[in-house]
Each structure stands twice: as structure tokens, then as C-alpha cells.
Amino acid sequence: MDEAEYCHRLALMYRGRIIALGEPSALKEQMESHHIMNLESSDPLGSMKALGDYPEILEIAVFGGGLHITVQDTISAEPLVRKVLDAKEIGIQQLEAIRPSMEDIFVAMIEREERKVP
């Protein structure tokens, strides 16, 4: 998905129709409300389960060997993530706010479309 960052124009198709079309920077701007944290922990699956029920955590997706966590606010979410994982004795190797990649944007757009389906 890294190659999408270098395209002049992108189209995202889902279920046979285009749900996004434009320059990568414009598509990212449409999703400005998505604040993403990169988490690398000793137990990614356990981390997903532990964090999944908190309203501050909007979405969790596997990304490489870690997780991308979409949150309402990275400043308040970081201590929450640390507290929850510490309580479960899950070690954190890395936890940082990052700029969303095109893959993050595409996943968010597809999930938004999924929520529209009855």
C-alpha cells in the first residue's frame, strides 16, 4: 500500500463502486478526525482484546507486527492505553501518535461504508 502515497490520483473501490477519488493528500484531509497511534506490544492480540471496549478507542487494526489504534484524542488515549495494558501485564515496546498512512485511510473509509450497510 506504500505505493499509493506516490500516486497523483487514487480511486478506492468497495463492493463494486468507487467510495473515494482524489489526490492522496486530499483523501487524508477528509479523514482529519482520525488520530492514530502505533502500538508495538508483547501481545498484540491480547492488546486488541484489552483495549476493545473503551469508548476512547474508536478502531484497532493489525498493521505489520503491531497495531494501529484510532482514537478520539491521542493526548488522553496514551495514558489510558498504558494503564490498561499495564494492568494486563502486556509490555509496550512502542506507543506513539503517527500520521495516518493511505492504508489507514482506506481501512477507515471501508469501515465507514460497512457501517452504512443495514
C-alpha atoms as a PDB file:
ATOM      1  CA  MET A   1       0.000   0.000   0.000  1.00  0.00           C
ATOM      2  CA  ASP A   2       3.043   2.283   0.285  1.00  0.00           C
ATOM      3  CA  GLU A   3       2.963   2.914  -3.462  1.00  0.00           C
ATOM      4  CA  ALA A   4      -0.404   4.676  -3.074  1.00  0.00           C
ATOM      5  CA  GLU A   5       1.391   7.512  -1.280  1.00  0.00           C
ATOM      6  CA  TYR A   6       3.222   8.349  -4.535  1.00  0.00           C
ATOM      7  CA  CYS A   7       0.236   8.375  -6.872  1.00  0.00           C
ATOM      8  CA  HIS A   8      -1.160  11.584  -8.320  1.00  0.00           C
ATOM      9  CA  ARG A   9      -4.732  10.357  -8.062  1.00  0.00           C
ATOM     10  CA  LEU A  10      -6.356   7.385  -6.358  1.00  0.00           C
ATOM     11  CA  ALA A  11      -9.690   5.632  -6.515  1.00  0.00           C
ATOM     12  CA  LEU A  12     -10.872   3.290  -3.802  1.00  0.00           C
ATOM     13  CA  MET A  13     -13.437   0.730  -4.907  1.00  0.00           C
ATOM     14  CA  TYR A  14     -15.533  -1.220  -2.460  1.00  0.00           C
ATOM     15  CA  ARG A  15     -18.331  -3.611  -3.322  1.00  0.00           C
ATOM     16  CA  GLY A  16     -18.167  -2.646  -6.979  1.00  0.00           C
ATOM     17  CA  ARG A  17     -18.369   1.127  -6.590  1.00  0.00           C
ATOM     18  CA  ILE A  18     -15.945   3.979  -6.055  1.00  0.00           C
ATOM     19  CA  ILE A  19     -16.132   5.283  -2.483  1.00  0.00           C
ATOM     20  CA  ALA A  20     -13.171   7.671  -2.685  1.00  0.00           C
ATOM     21  CA  LEU A  21     -11.438   9.511  -5.506  1.00  0.00           C
ATOM     22  CA  GLY A  22      -8.719  12.138  -5.414  1.00  0.00           C
ATOM     23  CA  GLU A  23      -5.139  13.019  -4.573  1.00  0.00           C
ATOM     24  CA  PRO A  24      -3.635  11.203  -1.564  1.00  0.00           C
ATOM     25  CA  SER A  25      -3.295  14.468   0.364  1.00  0.00           C
ATOM     26  CA  ALA A  26      -6.959  15.354  -0.264  1.00  0.00           C
ATOM     27  CA  LEU A  27      -8.143  11.919   0.841  1.00  0.00           C
ATOM     28  CA  LYS A  28      -6.097  12.258   4.022  1.00  0.00           C
ATOM     29  CA  GLU A  29      -7.620  15.678   4.705  1.00  0.00           C
ATOM     30  CA  GLN A  30     -11.103  14.145   4.509  1.00  0.00           C
ATOM     31  CA  MET A  31     -10.158  11.902   7.409  1.00  0.00           C
ATOM     32  CA  GLU A  32      -8.551  14.577   9.629  1.00  0.00           C
ATOM     33  CA  SER A  33     -10.615  13.444  12.599  1.00  0.00           C
ATOM     34  CA  HIS A  34      -8.743  10.141  12.633  1.00  0.00           C
ATOM     35  CA  HIS A  35      -5.977  10.242  15.194  1.00  0.00           C
ATOM     36  CA  ILE A  36      -3.824   7.147  15.040  1.00  0.00           C
ATOM     37  CA  MET A  37      -1.393   5.657  17.479  1.00  0.00           C
ATOM     38  CA  ASN A  38       1.118   2.964  16.583  1.00  0.00           C
ATOM     39  CA  LEU A  39       1.399   0.283  19.266  1.00  0.00           C
ATOM     40  CA  GLU A  40       4.002  -2.429  19.404  1.00  0.00           C
ATOM     41  CA  SER A  41       3.443  -4.692  22.374  1.00  0.00           C
ATOM     42  CA  SER A  42       4.481  -8.083  23.690  1.00  0.00           C
ATOM     43  CA  ASP A  43       0.973  -9.416  22.929  1.00  0.00           C
ATOM     44  CA  PRO A  44      -0.840  -7.725  20.006  1.00  0.00           C
ATOM     45  CA  LEU A  45      -3.923  -9.964  20.200  1.00  0.00           C
ATOM     46  CA  GLY A  46      -4.164  -9.505  23.975  1.00  0.00           C
ATOM     47  CA  SER A  47      -3.761  -5.757  23.458  1.00  0.00           C
ATOM     48  CA  MET A  48      -6.661  -5.733  20.986  1.00  0.00           C
ATOM     49  CA  LYS A  49      -8.880  -7.609  23.420  1.00  0.00           C
ATOM     50  CA  ALA A  50      -7.892  -5.433  26.376  1.00  0.00           C
ATOM     51  CA  LEU A  51      -8.468  -2.115  24.561  1.00  0.00           C
ATOM     52  CA  GLY A  52     -11.522  -3.046  22.515  1.00  0.00           C
ATOM     53  CA  ASP A  53     -14.229  -1.969  24.974  1.00  0.00           C
ATOM     54  CA  TYR A  54     -13.147   1.599  25.702  1.00  0.00           C
ATOM     55  CA  PRO A  55     -15.146   4.408  24.040  1.00  0.00           C
ATOM     56  CA  GLU A  56     -11.959   6.462  23.592  1.00  0.00           C
ATOM     57  CA  ILE A  57     -10.653   3.715  21.297  1.00  0.00           C
ATOM     58  CA  LEU A  58     -12.548   4.008  18.015  1.00  0.00           C
ATOM     59  CA  GLU A  59     -10.862   1.254  15.995  1.00  0.00           C
ATOM     60  CA  ILE A  60      -7.973  -1.180  16.280  1.00  0.00           C
ATOM     61  CA  ALA A  61      -6.310  -2.733  13.237  1.00  0.00           C
ATOM     62  CA  VAL A  62      -3.345  -5.039  12.803  1.00  0.00           C
ATOM     63  CA  PHE A  63      -0.564  -3.225  10.996  1.00  0.00           C
ATOM     64  CA  GLY A  64       2.578  -5.233  10.331  1.00  0.00           C
ATOM     65  CA  GLY A  65       3.664  -6.761  13.648  1.00  0.00           C
ATOM     66  CA  GLY A  66       1.836  -4.147  15.688  1.00  0.00           C
ATOM     67  CA  LEU A  67      -1.448  -2.313  15.907  1.00  0.00           C
ATOM     68  CA  HIS A  68      -2.816   0.980  14.654  1.00  0.00           C
ATOM     69  CA  ILE A  69      -5.264   2.361  17.172  1.00  0.00           C
ATOM     70  CA  THR A  70      -7.701   5.070  16.070  1.00  0.00           C
ATOM     71  CA  VAL A  71      -8.595   7.321  18.985  1.00  0.00           C
ATOM     72  CA  GLN A  72     -10.599  10.467  19.643  1.00  0.00           C
ATOM     73  CA  ASP A  73      -7.603  12.231  21.162  1.00  0.00           C
ATOM     74  CA  THR A  74      -4.027  10.950  21.313  1.00  0.00           C
ATOM     75  CA  ILE A  75      -3.126  13.009  24.384  1.00  0.00           C
ATOM     76  CA  SER A  76      -5.792  11.436  26.590  1.00  0.00           C
ATOM     77  CA  ALA A  77      -5.621   7.996  24.948  1.00  0.00           C
ATOM     78  CA  GLU A  78      -1.933   7.384  25.603  1.00  0.00           C
ATOM     79  CA  PRO A  79      -2.211   7.171  29.412  1.00  0.00           C
ATOM     80  CA  LEU A  80      -5.338   5.011  29.046  1.00  0.00           C
ATOM     81  CA  VAL A  81      -3.568   2.547  26.742  1.00  0.00           C
ATOM     82  CA  ARG A  82      -0.568   2.370  29.086  1.00  0.00           C
ATOM     83  CA  LYS A  83      -2.785   1.849  32.151  1.00  0.00           C
ATOM     84  CA  VAL A  84      -4.943  -0.863  30.530  1.00  0.00           C
ATOM     85  CA  LEU A  85      -2.004  -2.822  29.130  1.00  0.00           C
ATOM     86  CA  ASP A  86      -0.022  -2.473  32.353  1.00  0.00           C
ATOM     87  CA  ALA A  87      -2.985  -3.945  34.265  1.00  0.00           C
ATOM     88  CA  LYS A  88      -2.939  -6.925  31.871  1.00  0.00           C
ATOM     89  CA  GLU A  89       0.865  -7.186  32.202  1.00  0.00           C
ATOM     90  CA  ILE A  90       1.347  -6.585  28.485  1.00  0.00           C
ATOM     91  CA  GLY A  91       4.661  -4.927  27.702  1.00  0.00           C
ATOM     92  CA  ILE A  92       4.781  -1.882  25.444  1.00  0.00           C
ATOM     93  CA  GLN A  93       7.781  -1.568  23.132  1.00  0.00           C
ATOM     94  CA  GLN A  94       6.430   1.475  21.300  1.00  0.00           C
ATOM     95  CA  LEU A  95       3.394   3.731  21.602  1.00  0.00           C
ATOM     96  CA  GLU A  96       3.304   6.933  19.585  1.00  0.00           C
ATOM     97  CA  ALA A  97       0.958   9.165  17.636  1.00  0.00           C
ATOM     98  CA  ILE A  98       1.522   8.860  13.887  1.00  0.00           C
ATOM     99  CA  ARG A  99       0.184  10.403  10.708  1.00  0.00           C
ATOM    100  CA  PRO A 100      -2.313   8.101   9.008  1.00  0.00           C
ATOM    101  CA  SER A 101      -0.982   6.176   6.032  1.00  0.00           C
ATOM    102  CA  MET A 102      -3.072   5.609   2.911  1.00  0.00           C
ATOM    103  CA  GLU A 103      -3.749   2.105   4.207  1.00  0.00           C
ATOM    104  CA  ASP A 104      -5.162   3.612   7.421  1.00  0.00           C
ATOM    105  CA  ILE A 105      -7.307   5.962   5.353  1.00  0.00           C
ATOM    106  CA  PHE A 106      -8.592   3.159   3.122  1.00  0.00           C
ATOM    107  CA  VAL A 107      -9.417   0.950   6.113  1.00  0.00           C
ATOM    108  CA  ALA A 108     -11.306   3.833   7.768  1.00  0.00           C
ATOM    109  CA  MET A 109     -13.262   4.552   4.582  1.00  0.00           C
ATOM    110  CA  ILE A 110     -14.218   0.906   4.132  1.00  0.00           C
ATOM    111  CA  GLU A 111     -15.287   0.642   7.765  1.00  0.00           C
ATOM    112  CA  ARG A 112     -17.381   3.785   7.325  1.00  0.00           C
ATOM    113  CA  GLU A 113     -19.082   2.153   4.320  1.00  0.00           C
ATOM    114  CA  GLU A 114     -19.647  -1.029   6.328  1.00  0.00           C
ATOM    115  CA  ARG A 115     -21.479   0.949   8.999  1.00  0.00           C
ATOM    116  CA  LYS A 116     -23.862   2.227   6.285  1.00  0.00           C
ATOM    117  CA  VAL A 117     -24.898  -1.299   5.257  1.00  0.00           C
ATOM    118  CA  PRO A 118     -28.112  -2.397   7.050  1.00  0.00           C
END
